[in-house]
Protein backbone atom coordinates (compact mmCIF):
# COMPACT_ATOMS: atom_id res chain seq x y z
CA MET A 1 -38.01 -30.08 39.92
CA LYS A 2 -34.69 -30.75 41.64
CA ARG A 3 -33.14 -31.86 38.35
CA VAL A 4 -34.13 -28.56 36.67
CA MET A 5 -32.70 -26.61 39.61
CA TYR A 6 -29.39 -28.54 39.41
CA CYS A 7 -29.16 -27.90 35.66
CA PHE A 8 -29.81 -24.20 36.19
CA LEU A 9 -27.17 -23.96 38.93
CA LEU A 10 -24.66 -25.86 36.76
CA PHE A 11 -25.38 -23.52 33.85
CA ALA A 12 -25.02 -20.44 36.08
CA ALA A 13 -21.73 -21.71 37.54
CA ALA A 14 -20.32 -22.51 34.07
CA SER A 15 -21.39 -19.09 32.77
CA ALA A 16 -19.77 -17.33 35.73
CA ALA A 17 -16.54 -19.31 35.24
CA CYS A 18 -16.45 -18.37 31.52
CA LEU A 19 -17.05 -14.70 32.27
CA ILE A 20 -14.31 -14.63 34.90
CA ALA A 21 -11.86 -16.40 32.57
CA GLY A 22 -12.68 -14.01 29.70
CA TYR A 23 -12.25 -10.99 31.95
CA GLY A 24 -8.89 -12.28 33.19
CA ILE A 25 -7.60 -12.97 29.67
CA THR A 26 -8.73 -9.55 28.46
CA ARG A 27 -7.04 -7.79 31.38
CA TYR A 28 -3.83 -9.74 30.72
CA TYR A 29 -3.67 -8.73 27.04
CA ILE A 30 -4.53 -5.10 27.74
CA ARG A 31 -1.76 -4.98 30.32
CA GLN A 32 0.69 -6.36 27.72
CA GLU A 33 -0.11 -3.57 25.21
CA ARG A 34 0.84 -0.64 27.45
CA ALA A 35 3.53 1.68 26.18
CA ILE A 36 6.98 1.39 27.70
CA PRO A 37 8.32 4.77 28.90
CA ASN A 38 11.30 6.29 27.04
CA THR A 39 11.12 3.86 24.12
CA VAL A 40 10.48 4.41 20.45
CA LEU A 41 8.46 1.77 18.63
CA GLU A 42 9.01 1.36 14.90
CA THR A 43 6.11 0.67 12.59
CA GLU A 44 6.18 -1.54 9.55
CA THR A 45 5.35 -0.15 6.14
CA VAL A 46 4.70 -1.91 2.87
CA ASN A 47 8.16 -0.88 1.66
CA ASP A 48 9.90 -2.58 4.63
CA MET A 49 10.89 -5.87 3.00
CA ALA A 50 14.21 -6.38 4.84
CA GLY A 51 12.57 -8.05 7.85
CA ARG A 52 10.52 -10.39 5.70
CA ALA A 53 13.55 -11.42 3.67
CA ALA A 54 15.43 -12.21 6.89
CA ALA A 55 12.58 -14.38 8.06
CA ALA A 56 12.70 -16.30 4.79
CA GLN A 57 16.50 -16.60 5.14
CA GLU A 58 17.17 -15.01 1.79
CA LYS A 59 20.15 -12.81 1.03
CA ILE A 60 19.39 -9.23 2.02
CA THR A 61 20.68 -6.38 -0.06
CA PRO A 62 21.25 -3.12 1.80
CA VAL A 63 18.28 -0.79 1.70
CA ALA A 64 20.43 2.08 0.41
CA GLU A 65 21.28 0.10 -2.75
CA THR A 66 17.68 -0.79 -3.54
CA THR A 67 16.17 2.65 -2.92
CA GLN A 68 18.73 4.70 -4.84
CA ALA A 69 17.42 3.45 -8.17
CA ARG A 70 13.84 4.56 -7.41
CA GLU A 71 14.11 7.46 -5.02
CA GLU A 72 10.95 9.20 -6.23
CA TYR A 73 7.54 8.95 -4.62
CA TYR A 74 4.09 9.82 -5.89
CA LEU A 75 1.43 11.03 -3.42
CA VAL A 76 -2.08 10.59 -4.77
CA SER A 77 -5.65 10.51 -3.50
CA GLU A 78 -7.57 7.28 -4.05
CA SER A 79 -10.96 6.44 -2.56
CA GLY A 80 -10.81 9.51 -0.35
CA PHE A 81 -7.49 8.63 1.30
CA LEU A 82 -3.87 9.39 0.46
CA LEU A 83 -1.53 6.70 -0.85
CA VAL A 84 2.20 6.92 -1.55
CA PHE A 85 3.34 5.08 -4.66
CA CYS A 86 6.90 4.32 -5.75
CA SER A 87 8.25 5.83 -8.96
CA ASP A 88 6.66 3.09 -11.10
CA ARG A 89 3.16 4.33 -10.03
CA THR A 90 1.97 0.77 -9.38
CA THR A 91 3.73 -0.29 -6.16
CA ILE A 92 2.15 1.16 -3.03
CA CYS A 93 4.86 2.22 -0.58
CA LEU A 94 2.66 3.60 2.20
CA TYR A 95 -1.00 3.60 3.17
CA THR A 96 -1.46 6.89 5.05
CA HIS A 97 -5.11 6.54 6.18
CA ILE A 98 -5.29 10.35 5.97
CA PRO A 99 -8.58 11.54 4.47
CA VAL A 100 -8.42 14.06 1.65
CA THR A 101 -11.01 16.17 3.46
CA ASP A 102 -8.25 17.29 5.88
CA PHE A 103 -6.68 19.33 3.06
CA PRO A 104 -7.74 22.69 1.55
CA GLU A 105 -9.68 22.64 -1.72
CA GLU A 106 -6.74 23.70 -3.94
CA GLU A 107 -4.54 20.96 -2.47
CA ARG A 108 -7.27 18.38 -3.05
CA GLY A 109 -7.10 19.12 -6.77
CA ARG A 110 -3.32 18.67 -6.78
CA LEU A 111 -3.65 15.43 -4.80
CA MET A 112 -6.21 14.05 -7.25
CA GLU A 113 -3.66 14.55 -10.04
CA GLY A 114 -0.77 13.36 -7.87
CA ILE A 115 2.29 15.09 -6.46
CA TRP A 116 5.87 13.91 -7.04
CA PHE A 117 8.42 13.99 -4.20
CA PRO A 118 12.13 13.17 -4.47
CA THR A 119 12.37 11.45 -1.05
CA MET A 120 10.06 9.84 1.46
CA MET A 121 11.13 12.44 4.00
CA ASP A 122 9.69 15.15 1.74
CA VAL A 123 6.39 13.24 1.68
CA TYR A 124 6.39 13.11 5.49
CA HIS A 125 7.12 16.82 5.75
CA TYR A 126 4.32 17.65 3.31
CA LEU A 127 1.81 15.48 5.19
CA GLU A 128 2.91 16.86 8.54
CA SER A 129 2.46 20.44 7.37
CA TYR A 130 -1.23 19.80 6.59
CA THR A 131 -2.20 17.33 9.31
CA SER A 132 -0.65 18.91 12.39
């Protein structure tokens, strides 16, 4: 009987230690993810290849040179969400995660066919006008 009681107490102590350690680790990581006041955080998009090229230590061409040749973007609805394609209609530049149901019915029809924009800023302005 004493052996069973010792095993139970050892199990309870080990479980309590694991729970405390897990709680401490979780609190540490949550504290690390807090926003820093008065800072702007940049997000990475699929089109942002400059950082990846630097990590691979390849020669980086300026972004202005590479985007001037294909400065058109195609906004289209696929699987219920909006995607932004480059001018070749095969390369995805941006996953928006914006559902098509946020748009009026007449705009949904246009988005199913696809809408051309000359710059990415025009795409942002269009999306902002319907999502804000």
